[in-house]
Amino acid sequence: MRKSVKIKFSDEAKQIYNKLREKASSSKIDRMLLSAIDRKVEIIRSYCFYGDTIPHRLIPKIYKKRYCVTNLLRVELPCFWRLLYTIRKDEVEIEIIAFIIEILDHNKYNKRFGYKKH
């Protein structure tokens, strides 16, 4: 039996998503990002291990603390944006939850992972 994949957004990710949706009608970049996120979410729904796996030692502590993350996947979006998500198993129902933690631009991604500008 194939398990269904349920997509959930963190409050922070939902906020960014809604902001992009609000600005999409007047901004080509925001419309492009929103469309890319929607496409990637559908891919994740059909294959939950779609993204690049982040090594456990590189998972930001804030994700481990705030969301109890034990695995993290990264999906690249246009304009150097990233979508970060974790996979969880629902113990009550037979389903997998792809929990979208954050949608962030390149600078915020670098800061979150402690990368320095060269």
PDB file of N, CA and C in Angstrom:
ATOM      1  N   MET A   1       0.847  -1.190   0.000  1.00  0.00           N
ATOM      2  CA  MET A   1       0.000   0.000   0.000  1.00  0.00           C
ATOM      3  C   MET A   1       0.883   1.240   0.000  1.00  0.00           C
ATOM      4  N   ARG A   2       0.656   2.106  -0.940  1.00  0.00           N
ATOM      5  CA  ARG A   2       1.423   3.339  -1.053  1.00  0.00           C
ATOM      6  C   ARG A   2       0.890   4.372  -0.070  1.00  0.00           C
ATOM      7  N   LYS A   3       1.807   4.964   0.674  1.00  0.00           N
ATOM      8  CA  LYS A   3       1.408   5.980   1.646  1.00  0.00           C
ATOM      9  C   LYS A   3       1.208   7.313   0.950  1.00  0.00           C
ATOM     10  N   SER A   4       0.207   8.047   1.411  1.00  0.00           N
ATOM     11  CA  SER A   4      -0.021   9.375   0.847  1.00  0.00           C
ATOM     12  C   SER A   4       0.966  10.353   1.474  1.00  0.00           C
ATOM     13  N   VAL A   5       1.259  11.412   0.748  1.00  0.00           N
ATOM     14  CA  VAL A   5       2.151  12.450   1.256  1.00  0.00           C
ATOM     15  C   VAL A   5       1.324  13.708   1.456  1.00  0.00           C
ATOM     16  N   LYS A   6       1.291  14.168   2.680  1.00  0.00           N
ATOM     17  CA  LYS A   6       0.565  15.376   3.041  1.00  0.00           C
ATOM     18  C   LYS A   6       1.580  16.510   3.157  1.00  0.00           C
ATOM     19  N   ILE A   7       1.274  17.648   2.579  1.00  0.00           N
ATOM     20  CA  ILE A   7       2.168  18.799   2.624  1.00  0.00           C
ATOM     21  C   ILE A   7       1.651  19.780   3.674  1.00  0.00           C
ATOM     22  N   LYS A   8       2.538  20.156   4.585  1.00  0.00           N
ATOM     23  CA  LYS A   8       2.206  21.168   5.592  1.00  0.00           C
ATOM     24  C   LYS A   8       3.275  22.249   5.542  1.00  0.00           C
ATOM     25  N   PHE A   9       2.870  23.496   5.743  1.00  0.00           N
ATOM     26  CA  PHE A   9       3.787  24.632   5.778  1.00  0.00           C
ATOM     27  C   PHE A   9       3.943  25.117   7.215  1.00  0.00           C
ATOM     28  N   SER A  10       5.162  25.477   7.589  1.00  0.00           N
ATOM     29  CA  SER A  10       5.347  26.154   8.876  1.00  0.00           C
ATOM     30  C   SER A  10       4.689  27.524   8.763  1.00  0.00           C
ATOM     31  N   ASP A  11       4.463  28.184   9.882  1.00  0.00           N
ATOM     32  CA  ASP A  11       3.880  29.531   9.852  1.00  0.00           C
ATOM     33  C   ASP A  11       4.766  30.484   9.046  1.00  0.00           C
ATOM     34  N   GLU A  12       6.086  30.357   9.216  1.00  0.00           N
ATOM     35  CA  GLU A  12       7.022  31.242   8.510  1.00  0.00           C
ATOM     36  C   GLU A  12       6.964  31.008   7.002  1.00  0.00           C
ATOM     37  N   ALA A  13       6.937  29.741   6.593  1.00  0.00           N
ATOM     38  CA  ALA A  13       6.878  29.417   5.169  1.00  0.00           C
ATOM     39  C   ALA A  13       5.548  29.866   4.574  1.00  0.00           C
ATOM     40  N   LYS A  14       4.470  29.680   5.312  1.00  0.00           N
ATOM     41  CA  LYS A  14       3.144  30.094   4.839  1.00  0.00           C
ATOM     42  C   LYS A  14       3.084  31.608   4.663  1.00  0.00           C
ATOM     43  N   GLN A  15       3.740  32.334   5.561  1.00  0.00           N
ATOM     44  CA  GLN A  15       3.784  33.793   5.473  1.00  0.00           C
ATOM     45  C   GLN A  15       4.479  34.241   4.186  1.00  0.00           C
ATOM     46  N   ILE A  16       5.624  33.633   3.875  1.00  0.00           N
ATOM     47  CA  ILE A  16       6.351  33.966   2.649  1.00  0.00           C
ATOM     48  C   ILE A  16       5.520  33.594   1.426  1.00  0.00           C
ATOM     49  N   TYR A  17       4.916  32.419   1.455  1.00  0.00           N
ATOM     50  CA  TYR A  17       4.081  31.955   0.350  1.00  0.00           C
ATOM     51  C   TYR A  17       2.931  32.938   0.102  1.00  0.00           C
ATOM     52  N   ASN A  18       2.249  33.347   1.162  1.00  0.00           N
ATOM     53  CA  ASN A  18       1.136  34.287   1.021  1.00  0.00           C
ATOM     54  C   ASN A  18       1.597  35.649   0.520  1.00  0.00           C
ATOM     55  N   LYS A  19       2.758  36.089   0.970  1.00  0.00           N
ATOM     56  CA  LYS A  19       3.307  37.364   0.508  1.00  0.00           C
ATOM     57  C   LYS A  19       3.614  37.307  -0.993  1.00  0.00           C
ATOM     58  N   LEU A  20       4.178  36.200  -1.436  1.00  0.00           N
ATOM     59  CA  LEU A  20       4.443  36.024  -2.868  1.00  0.00           C
ATOM     60  C   LEU A  20       3.133  36.008  -3.649  1.00  0.00           C
ATOM     61  N   ARG A  21       2.118  35.345  -3.116  1.00  0.00           N
ATOM     62  CA  ARG A  21       0.822  35.278  -3.789  1.00  0.00           C
ATOM     63  C   ARG A  21       0.192  36.670  -3.905  1.00  0.00           C
ATOM     64  N   GLU A  22       0.310  37.479  -2.847  1.00  0.00           N
ATOM     65  CA  GLU A  22      -0.233  38.839  -2.875  1.00  0.00           C
ATOM     66  C   GLU A  22       0.450  39.700  -3.935  1.00  0.00           C
ATOM     67  N   LYS A  23       1.753  39.530  -4.086  1.00  0.00           N
ATOM     68  CA  LYS A  23       2.519  40.386  -4.994  1.00  0.00           C
ATOM     69  C   LYS A  23       2.630  39.811  -6.409  1.00  0.00           C
ATOM     70  N   ALA A  24       2.166  38.592  -6.609  1.00  0.00           N
ATOM     71  CA  ALA A  24       2.330  37.911  -7.900  1.00  0.00           C
ATOM     72  C   ALA A  24       1.674  38.635  -9.068  1.00  0.00           C
ATOM     73  N   SER A  25       0.557  39.297  -8.817  1.00  0.00           N
ATOM     74  CA  SER A  25      -0.137  39.964  -9.918  1.00  0.00           C
ATOM     75  C   SER A  25       0.638  41.164 -10.453  1.00  0.00           C
ATOM     76  N   SER A  26       1.508  41.729  -9.631  1.00  0.00           N
ATOM     77  CA  SER A  26       2.248  42.915 -10.068  1.00  0.00           C
ATOM     78  C   SER A  26       3.750  42.691 -10.202  1.00  0.00           C
ATOM     79  N   SER A  27       4.231  41.506  -9.859  1.00  0.00           N
ATOM     80  CA  SER A  27       5.669  41.240  -9.909  1.00  0.00           C
ATOM     81  C   SER A  27       5.947  39.930 -10.639  1.00  0.00           C
ATOM     82  N   LYS A  28       6.663  40.033 -11.735  1.00  0.00           N
ATOM     83  CA  LYS A  28       6.998  38.852 -12.528  1.00  0.00           C
ATOM     84  C   LYS A  28       7.853  37.873 -11.721  1.00  0.00           C
ATOM     85  N   ILE A  29       8.791  38.375 -10.937  1.00  0.00           N
ATOM     86  CA  ILE A  29       9.665  37.518 -10.133  1.00  0.00           C
ATOM     87  C   ILE A  29       8.865  36.767  -9.074  1.00  0.00           C
ATOM     88  N   ASP A  30       7.982  37.479  -8.376  1.00  0.00           N
ATOM     89  CA  ASP A  30       7.156  36.829  -7.355  1.00  0.00           C
ATOM     90  C   ASP A  30       6.234  35.779  -7.977  1.00  0.00           C
ATOM     91  N   ARG A  31       5.698  36.084  -9.153  1.00  0.00           N
ATOM     92  CA  ARG A  31       4.833  35.141  -9.865  1.00  0.00           C
ATOM     93  C   ARG A  31       5.632  33.893 -10.265  1.00  0.00           C
ATOM     94  N   MET A  32       6.864  34.103 -10.722  1.00  0.00           N
ATOM     95  CA  MET A  32       7.733  32.992 -11.116  1.00  0.00           C
ATOM     96  C   MET A  32       8.078  32.117  -9.899  1.00  0.00           C
ATOM     97  N   LEU A  33       8.403  32.756  -8.767  1.00  0.00           N
ATOM     98  CA  LEU A  33       8.722  32.009  -7.548  1.00  0.00           C
ATOM     99  C   LEU A  33       7.519  31.210  -7.058  1.00  0.00           C
ATOM    100  N   LEU A  34       6.371  31.841  -7.042  1.00  0.00           N
ATOM    101  CA  LEU A  34       5.141  31.178  -6.598  1.00  0.00           C
ATOM    102  C   LEU A  34       4.827  29.967  -7.472  1.00  0.00           C
ATOM    103  N   SER A  35       4.950  30.136  -8.759  1.00  0.00           N
ATOM    104  CA  SER A  35       4.702  29.042  -9.691  1.00  0.00           C
ATOM    105  C   SER A  35       5.703  27.900  -9.464  1.00  0.00           C
ATOM    106  N   ALA A  36       6.961  28.242  -9.257  1.00  0.00           N
ATOM    107  CA  ALA A  36       7.993  27.229  -9.009  1.00  0.00           C
ATOM    108  C   ALA A  36       7.714  26.482  -7.705  1.00  0.00           C
ATOM    109  N   ILE A  37       7.308  27.202  -6.659  1.00  0.00           N
ATOM    110  CA  ILE A  37       6.984  26.559  -5.377  1.00  0.00           C
ATOM    111  C   ILE A  37       5.826  25.580  -5.568  1.00  0.00           C
ATOM    112  N   ASP A  38       4.792  26.017  -6.269  1.00  0.00           N
ATOM    113  CA  ASP A  38       3.635  25.145  -6.503  1.00  0.00           C
ATOM    114  C   ASP A  38       4.045  23.880  -7.264  1.00  0.00           C
ATOM    115  N   ARG A  39       4.906  24.027  -8.279  1.00  0.00           N
ATOM    116  CA  ARG A  39       5.378  22.866  -9.043  1.00  0.00           C
ATOM    117  C   ARG A  39       6.194  21.921  -8.160  1.00  0.00           C
ATOM    118  N   LYS A  40       7.097  22.501  -7.354  1.00  0.00           N
ATOM    119  CA  LYS A  40       7.957  21.682  -6.493  1.00  0.00           C
ATOM    120  C   LYS A  40       7.136  20.961  -5.423  1.00  0.00           C
ATOM    121  N   VAL A  41       6.136  21.614  -4.885  1.00  0.00           N
ATOM    122  CA  VAL A  41       5.273  20.984  -3.872  1.00  0.00           C
ATOM    123  C   VAL A  41       4.572  19.771  -4.485  1.00  0.00           C
ATOM    124  N   GLU A  42       4.118  19.887  -5.728  1.00  0.00           N
ATOM    125  CA  GLU A  42       3.470  18.750  -6.383  1.00  0.00           C
ATOM    126  C   GLU A  42       4.458  17.611  -6.626  1.00  0.00           C
ATOM    127  N   ILE A  43       5.697  17.953  -6.967  1.00  0.00           N
ATOM    128  CA  ILE A  43       6.721  16.918  -7.139  1.00  0.00           C
ATOM    129  C   ILE A  43       6.982  16.226  -5.802  1.00  0.00           C
ATOM    130  N   ILE A  44       7.102  17.014  -4.731  1.00  0.00           N
ATOM    131  CA  ILE A  44       7.335  16.452  -3.393  1.00  0.00           C
ATOM    132  C   ILE A  44       6.165  15.552  -2.995  1.00  0.00           C
ATOM    133  N   ARG A  45       4.964  15.962  -3.359  1.00  0.00           N
ATOM    134  CA  ARG A  45       3.776  15.158  -3.035  1.00  0.00           C
ATOM    135  C   ARG A  45       3.857  13.772  -3.714  1.00  0.00           C
ATOM    136  N   SER A  46       4.418  13.715  -4.911  1.00  0.00           N
ATOM    137  CA  SER A  46       4.512  12.429  -5.599  1.00  0.00           C
ATOM    138  C   SER A  46       5.811  11.683  -5.279  1.00  0.00           C
ATOM    139  N   TYR A  47       6.862  12.402  -4.868  1.00  0.00           N
ATOM    140  CA  TYR A  47       8.122  11.772  -4.471  1.00  0.00           C
ATOM    141  C   TYR A  47       8.714  12.586  -3.328  1.00  0.00           C
ATOM    142  N   CYS A  48       8.496  12.141  -2.101  1.00  0.00           N
ATOM    143  CA  CYS A  48       8.825  12.969  -0.935  1.00  0.00           C
ATOM    144  C   CYS A  48      10.322  13.163  -0.701  1.00  0.00           C
ATOM    145  N   PHE A  49      11.175  12.408  -1.382  1.00  0.00           N
ATOM    146  CA  PHE A  49      12.626  12.587  -1.220  1.00  0.00           C
ATOM    147  C   PHE A  49      13.228  13.321  -2.407  1.00  0.00           C
ATOM    148  N   TYR A  50      12.480  14.230  -2.994  1.00  0.00           N
ATOM    149  CA  TYR A  50      12.874  14.932  -4.210  1.00  0.00           C
ATOM    150  C   TYR A  50      14.111  15.810  -4.037  1.00  0.00           C
ATOM    151  N   GLY A  51      14.241  16.506  -2.954  1.00  0.00           N
ATOM    152  CA  GLY A  51      15.309  17.498  -2.779  1.00  0.00           C
ATOM    153  C   GLY A  51      16.672  16.905  -2.487  1.00  0.00           C
ATOM    154  N   ASP A  52      17.649  17.804  -2.387  1.00  0.00           N
ATOM    155  CA  ASP A  52      19.005  17.426  -1.988  1.00  0.00           C
ATOM    156  C   ASP A  52      19.018  17.259  -0.474  1.00  0.00           C
ATOM    157  N   THR A  53      19.558  16.148  -0.006  1.00  0.00           N
ATOM    158  CA  THR A  53      19.626  15.889   1.433  1.00  0.00           C
ATOM    159  C   THR A  53      20.746  16.717   2.052  1.00  0.00           C
ATOM    160  N   ILE A  54      20.422  17.426   3.113  1.00  0.00           N
ATOM    161  CA  ILE A  54      21.405  18.197   3.870  1.00  0.00           C
ATOM    162  C   ILE A  54      21.995  17.252   4.922  1.00  0.00           C
ATOM    163  N   PRO A  55      23.330  17.143   5.008  1.00  0.00           N
ATOM    164  CA  PRO A  55      23.918  16.289   6.040  1.00  0.00           C
ATOM    165  C   PRO A  55      23.451  16.711   7.437  1.00  0.00           C
ATOM    166  N   HIS A  56      23.229  15.725   8.291  1.00  0.00           N
ATOM    167  CA  HIS A  56      22.680  15.980   9.626  1.00  0.00           C
ATOM    168  C   HIS A  56      23.489  17.021  10.395  1.00  0.00           C
ATOM    169  N   ARG A  57      24.810  16.977  10.288  1.00  0.00           N
ATOM    170  CA  ARG A  57      25.667  17.915  11.020  1.00  0.00           C
ATOM    171  C   ARG A  57      25.499  19.357  10.543  1.00  0.00           C
ATOM    172  N   LEU A  58      24.930  19.549   9.349  1.00  0.00           N
ATOM    173  CA  LEU A  58      24.741  20.895   8.809  1.00  0.00           C
ATOM    174  C   LEU A  58      23.333  21.450   9.031  1.00  0.00           C
ATOM    175  N   ILE A  59      22.447  20.648   9.587  1.00  0.00           N
ATOM    176  CA  ILE A  59      21.078  21.128   9.835  1.00  0.00           C
ATOM    177  C   ILE A  59      21.151  22.226  10.906  1.00  0.00           C
ATOM    178  N   PRO A  60      20.635  23.419  10.603  1.00  0.00           N
ATOM    179  CA  PRO A  60      20.670  24.500  11.589  1.00  0.00           C
ATOM    180  C   PRO A  60      20.002  24.103  12.905  1.00  0.00           C
ATOM    181  N   LYS A  61      20.624  24.493  13.988  1.00  0.00           N
ATOM    182  CA  LYS A  61      20.123  24.152  15.329  1.00  0.00           C
ATOM    183  C   LYS A  61      18.707  24.663  15.551  1.00  0.00           C
ATOM    184  N   ILE A  62      18.395  25.810  14.964  1.00  0.00           N
ATOM    185  CA  ILE A  62      17.053  26.365  15.159  1.00  0.00           C
ATOM    186  C   ILE A  62      15.990  25.418  14.601  1.00  0.00           C
ATOM    187  N   TYR A  63      16.285  24.713  13.498  1.00  0.00           N
ATOM    188  CA  TYR A  63      15.329  23.752  12.942  1.00  0.00           C
ATOM    189  C   TYR A  63      15.193  22.539  13.850  1.00  0.00           C
ATOM    190  N   LYS A  64      16.310  22.100  14.405  1.00  0.00           N
ATOM    191  CA  LYS A  64      16.278  20.956  15.314  1.00  0.00           C
ATOM    192  C   LYS A  64      15.467  21.292  16.560  1.00  0.00           C
ATOM    193  N   LYS A  65      15.675  22.510  17.070  1.00  0.00           N
ATOM    194  CA  LYS A  65      14.999  22.923  18.303  1.00  0.00           C
ATOM    195  C   LYS A  65      13.529  23.242  18.061  1.00  0.00           C
ATOM    196  N   ARG A  66      13.255  24.067  17.063  1.00  0.00           N
ATOM    197  CA  ARG A  66      11.889  24.548  16.833  1.00  0.00           C
ATOM    198  C   ARG A  66      10.973  23.487  16.231  1.00  0.00           C
ATOM    199  N   TYR A  67      11.513  22.663  15.327  1.00  0.00           N
ATOM    200  CA  TYR A  67      10.668  21.712  14.599  1.00  0.00           C
ATOM    201  C   TYR A  67      11.045  20.247  14.825  1.00  0.00           C
ATOM    202  N   CYS A  68      12.002  19.980  15.709  1.00  0.00           N
ATOM    203  CA  CYS A  68      12.475  18.610  15.976  1.00  0.00           C
ATOM    204  C   CYS A  68      12.907  17.911  14.682  1.00  0.00           C
ATOM    205  N   VAL A  69      13.629  18.631  13.848  1.00  0.00           N
ATOM    206  CA  VAL A  69      14.072  18.115  12.556  1.00  0.00           C
ATOM    207  C   VAL A  69      15.198  17.108  12.746  1.00  0.00           C
ATOM    208  N   THR A  70      15.042  15.948  12.114  1.00  0.00           N
ATOM    209  CA  THR A  70      16.106  14.945  12.104  1.00  0.00           C
ATOM    210  C   THR A  70      16.615  14.703  10.685  1.00  0.00           C
ATOM    211  N   ASN A  71      15.894  15.216   9.694  1.00  0.00           N
ATOM    212  CA  ASN A  71      16.324  15.154   8.299  1.00  0.00           C
ATOM    213  C   ASN A  71      15.902  16.453   7.624  1.00  0.00           C
ATOM    214  N   LEU A  72      16.662  16.880   6.633  1.00  0.00           N
ATOM    215  CA  LEU A  72      16.360  18.135   5.959  1.00  0.00           C
ATOM    216  C   LEU A  72      16.693  17.987   4.484  1.00  0.00           C
ATOM    217  N   LEU A  73      15.767  18.437   3.655  1.00  0.00           N
ATOM    218  CA  LEU A  73      15.972  18.414   2.210  1.00  0.00           C
ATOM    219  C   LEU A  73      15.847  19.826   1.671  1.00  0.00           C
ATOM    220  N   ARG A  74      16.629  20.095   0.624  1.00  0.00           N
ATOM    221  CA  ARG A  74      16.644  21.421   0.008  1.00  0.00           C
ATOM    222  C   ARG A  74      16.231  21.293  -1.451  1.00  0.00           C
ATOM    223  N   VAL A  75      15.361  22.209  -1.867  1.00  0.00           N
ATOM    224  CA  VAL A  75      14.944  22.290  -3.258  1.00  0.00           C
ATOM    225  C   VAL A  75      15.301  23.689  -3.750  1.00  0.00           C
ATOM    226  N   GLU A  76      16.013  23.739  -4.864  1.00  0.00           N
ATOM    227  CA  GLU A  76      16.383  25.029  -5.418  1.00  0.00           C
ATOM    228  C   GLU A  76      15.225  25.606  -6.206  1.00  0.00           C
ATOM    229  N   LEU A  77      15.058  26.917  -6.065  1.00  0.00           N
ATOM    230  CA  LEU A  77      14.011  27.668  -6.749  1.00  0.00           C
ATOM    231  C   LEU A  77      14.674  28.732  -7.618  1.00  0.00           C
ATOM    232  N   PRO A  78      13.926  29.395  -8.493  1.00  0.00           N
ATOM    233  CA  PRO A  78      14.508  30.466  -9.303  1.00  0.00           C
ATOM    234  C   PRO A  78      15.075  31.591  -8.428  1.00  0.00           C
ATOM    235  N   CYS A  79      15.959  32.372  -9.010  1.00  0.00           N
ATOM    236  CA  CYS A  79      16.552  33.555  -8.360  1.00  0.00           C
ATOM    237  C   CYS A  79      17.311  33.182  -7.084  1.00  0.00           C
ATOM    238  N   PHE A  80      17.876  31.995  -7.047  1.00  0.00           N
ATOM    239  CA  PHE A  80      18.672  31.504  -5.915  1.00  0.00           C
ATOM    240  C   PHE A  80      17.880  31.372  -4.615  1.00  0.00           C
ATOM    241  N   TRP A  81      16.577  31.220  -4.703  1.00  0.00           N
ATOM    242  CA  TRP A  81      15.767  30.948  -3.525  1.00  0.00           C
ATOM    243  C   TRP A  81      15.836  29.461  -3.228  1.00  0.00           C
ATOM    244  N   ARG A  82      15.470  29.085  -2.000  1.00  0.00           N
ATOM    245  CA  ARG A  82      15.479  27.695  -1.568  1.00  0.00           C
ATOM    246  C   ARG A  82      14.188  27.372  -0.815  1.00  0.00           C
ATOM    247  N   LEU A  83      13.760  26.136  -0.941  1.00  0.00           N
ATOM    248  CA  LEU A  83      12.647  25.622  -0.164  1.00  0.00           C
ATOM    249  C   LEU A  83      13.243  24.495   0.678  1.00  0.00           C
ATOM    250  N   LEU A  84      13.074  24.573   1.982  1.00  0.00           N
ATOM    251  CA  LEU A  84      13.624  23.575   2.904  1.00  0.00           C
ATOM    252  C   LEU A  84      12.477  22.813   3.554  1.00  0.00           C
ATOM    253  N   TYR A  85      12.601  21.477   3.570  1.00  0.00           N
ATOM    254  CA  TYR A  85      11.532  20.689   4.178  1.00  0.00           C
ATOM    255  C   TYR A  85      12.083  19.446   4.851  1.00  0.00           C
ATOM    256  N   THR A  86      11.284  18.888   5.712  1.00  0.00           N
ATOM    257  CA  THR A  86      11.631  17.663   6.428  1.00  0.00           C
ATOM    258  C   THR A  86      10.518  16.647   6.208  1.00  0.00           C
ATOM    259  N   ILE A  87      10.861  15.393   6.326  1.00  0.00           N
ATOM    260  CA  ILE A  87       9.895  14.306   6.157  1.00  0.00           C
ATOM    261  C   ILE A  87       9.576  13.728   7.534  1.00  0.00           C
ATOM    262  N   ARG A  88       8.302  13.567   7.795  1.00  0.00           N
ATOM    263  CA  ARG A  88       7.852  12.964   9.045  1.00  0.00           C
ATOM    264  C   ARG A  88       6.831  11.883   8.731  1.00  0.00           C
ATOM    265  N   LYS A  89       6.715  10.944   9.630  1.00  0.00           N
ATOM    266  CA  LYS A  89       5.708   9.900   9.491  1.00  0.00           C
ATOM    267  C   LYS A  89       4.637  10.158  10.543  1.00  0.00           C
ATOM    268  N   ASP A  90       3.405  10.195  10.115  1.00  0.00           N
ATOM    269  CA  ASP A  90       2.289  10.357  11.037  1.00  0.00           C
ATOM    270  C   ASP A  90       2.038   9.008  11.692  1.00  0.00           C
ATOM    271  N   GLU A  91       2.107   8.976  13.000  1.00  0.00           N
ATOM    272  CA  GLU A  91       1.937   7.717  13.731  1.00  0.00           C
ATOM    273  C   GLU A  91       0.473   7.275  13.810  1.00  0.00           C
ATOM    274  N   VAL A  92      -0.450   8.216  13.686  1.00  0.00           N
ATOM    275  CA  VAL A  92      -1.858   7.894  13.815  1.00  0.00           C
ATOM    276  C   VAL A  92      -2.405   7.325  12.501  1.00  0.00           C
ATOM    277  N   GLU A  93      -2.132   8.032  11.410  1.00  0.00           N
ATOM    278  CA  GLU A  93      -2.608   7.590  10.102  1.00  0.00           C
ATOM    279  C   GLU A  93      -1.421   7.073   9.303  1.00  0.00           C
ATOM    280  N   ILE A  94      -1.707   6.390   8.241  1.00  0.00           N
ATOM    281  CA  ILE A  94      -0.633   5.911   7.380  1.00  0.00           C
ATOM    282  C   ILE A  94      -0.391   6.981   6.321  1.00  0.00           C
ATOM    283  N   GLU A  95       0.474   7.903   6.668  1.00  0.00           N
ATOM    284  CA  GLU A  95       0.818   8.947   5.710  1.00  0.00           C
ATOM    285  C   GLU A  95       2.158   9.556   6.063  1.00  0.00           C
ATOM    286  N   ILE A  96       2.759  10.147   5.076  1.00  0.00           N
ATOM    287  CA  ILE A  96       4.025  10.850   5.242  1.00  0.00           C
ATOM    288  C   ILE A  96       3.719  12.334   5.159  1.00  0.00           C
ATOM    289  N   ILE A  97       4.356  13.101   6.027  1.00  0.00           N
ATOM    290  CA  ILE A  97       4.161  14.546   6.025  1.00  0.00           C
ATOM    291  C   ILE A  97       5.443  15.204   5.547  1.00  0.00           C
ATOM    292  N   ALA A  98       5.340  15.976   4.466  1.00  0.00           N
ATOM    293  CA  ALA A  98       6.451  16.805   4.018  1.00  0.00           C
ATOM    294  C   ALA A  98       6.193  18.181   4.638  1.00  0.00           C
ATOM    295  N   PHE A  99       6.961  18.509   5.657  1.00  0.00           N
ATOM    296  CA  PHE A  99       6.760  19.742   6.413  1.00  0.00           C
ATOM    297  C   PHE A  99       7.699  20.805   5.868  1.00  0.00           C
ATOM    298  N   ILE A 100       7.144  21.781   5.161  1.00  0.00           N
ATOM    299  CA  ILE A 100       7.937  22.853   4.579  1.00  0.00           C
ATOM    300  C   ILE A 100       8.292  23.826   5.693  1.00  0.00           C
ATOM    301  N   ILE A 101       9.572  23.905   5.976  1.00  0.00           N
ATOM    302  CA  ILE A 101      10.057  24.698   7.100  1.00  0.00           C
ATOM    303  C   ILE A 101      10.245  26.152   6.720  1.00  0.00           C
ATOM    304  N   GLU A 102      10.899  26.377   5.586  1.00  0.00           N
ATOM    305  CA  GLU A 102      11.238  27.748   5.242  1.00  0.00           C
ATOM    306  C   GLU A 102      11.388  27.893   3.736  1.00  0.00           C
ATOM    307  N   ILE A 103      11.016  29.058   3.241  1.00  0.00           N
ATOM    308  CA  ILE A 103      11.235  29.462   1.857  1.00  0.00           C
ATOM    309  C   ILE A 103      12.046  30.741   1.963  1.00  0.00           C
ATOM    310  N   LEU A 104      13.269  30.732   1.450  1.00  0.00           N
ATOM    311  CA  LEU A 104      14.121  31.878   1.691  1.00  0.00           C
ATOM    312  C   LEU A 104      15.018  32.178   0.502  1.00  0.00           C
ATOM    313  N   ASP A 105      15.426  33.451   0.416  1.00  0.00           N
ATOM    314  CA  ASP A 105      16.311  33.867  -0.662  1.00  0.00           C
ATOM    315  C   ASP A 105      17.744  33.450  -0.347  1.00  0.00           C
ATOM    316  N   HIS A 106      18.633  33.675  -1.305  1.00  0.00           N
ATOM    317  CA  HIS A 106      20.016  33.202  -1.193  1.00  0.00           C
ATOM    318  C   HIS A 106      20.744  33.788   0.025  1.00  0.00           C
ATOM    319  N   ASN A 107      20.575  35.075   0.265  1.00  0.00           N
ATOM    320  CA  ASN A 107      21.257  35.708   1.402  1.00  0.00           C
ATOM    321  C   ASN A 107      20.783  35.140   2.733  1.00  0.00           C
ATOM    322  N   LYS A 108      19.486  34.966   2.894  1.00  0.00           N
ATOM    323  CA  LYS A 108      18.951  34.395   4.139  1.00  0.00           C
ATOM    324  C   LYS A 108      19.368  32.934   4.284  1.00  0.00           C
ATOM    325  N   TYR A 109      19.438  32.218   3.155  1.00  0.00           N
ATOM    326  CA  TYR A 109      19.889  30.824   3.185  1.00  0.00           C
ATOM    327  C   TYR A 109      21.335  30.750   3.677  1.00  0.00           C
ATOM    328  N   ASN A 110      22.198  31.599   3.108  1.00  0.00           N
ATOM    329  CA  ASN A 110      23.605  31.628   3.527  1.00  0.00           C
ATOM    330  C   ASN A 110      23.729  31.954   5.012  1.00  0.00           C
ATOM    331  N   LYS A 111      22.942  32.916   5.471  1.00  0.00           N
ATOM    332  CA  LYS A 111      22.980  33.307   6.882  1.00  0.00           C
ATOM    333  C   LYS A 111      22.492  32.168   7.773  1.00  0.00           C
ATOM    334  N   ARG A 112      21.401  31.506   7.376  1.00  0.00           N
ATOM    335  CA  ARG A 112      20.824  30.426   8.171  1.00  0.00           C
ATOM    336  C   ARG A 112      21.822  29.270   8.340  1.00  0.00           C
ATOM    337  N   PHE A 113      22.608  29.009   7.286  1.00  0.00           N
ATOM    338  CA  PHE A 113      23.556  27.897   7.335  1.00  0.00           C
ATOM    339  C   PHE A 113      24.958  28.336   7.739  1.00  0.00           C
ATOM    340  N   GLY A 114      25.128  29.627   8.053  1.00  0.00           N
ATOM    341  CA  GLY A 114      26.416  30.110   8.530  1.00  0.00           C
ATOM    342  C   GLY A 114      27.468  30.272   7.457  1.00  0.00           C
ATOM    343  N   TYR A 115      27.040  30.387   6.195  1.00  0.00           N
ATOM    344  CA  TYR A 115      28.006  30.596   5.111  1.00  0.00           C
ATOM    345  C   TYR A 115      28.412  32.056   5.084  1.00  0.00           C
ATOM    346  N   LYS A 116      29.663  32.308   4.817  1.00  0.00           N
ATOM    347  CA  LYS A 116      30.198  33.681   4.768  1.00  0.00           C
ATOM    348  C   LYS A 116      30.325  34.117   3.321  1.00  0.00           C
ATOM    349  N   LYS A 117      30.194  35.423   3.094  1.00  0.00           N
ATOM    350  CA  LYS A 117      30.455  35.983   1.764  1.00  0.00           C
ATOM    351  C   LYS A 117      31.950  36.011   1.531  1.00  0.00           C
ATOM    352  N   HIS A 118      32.352  35.731   0.300  1.00  0.00           N
ATOM    353  CA  HIS A 118      33.783  35.745  -0.037  1.00  0.00           C
ATOM    354  C   HIS A 118      34.107  36.959  -0.847  1.00  0.00           C
TER     355      HIS A 118
END
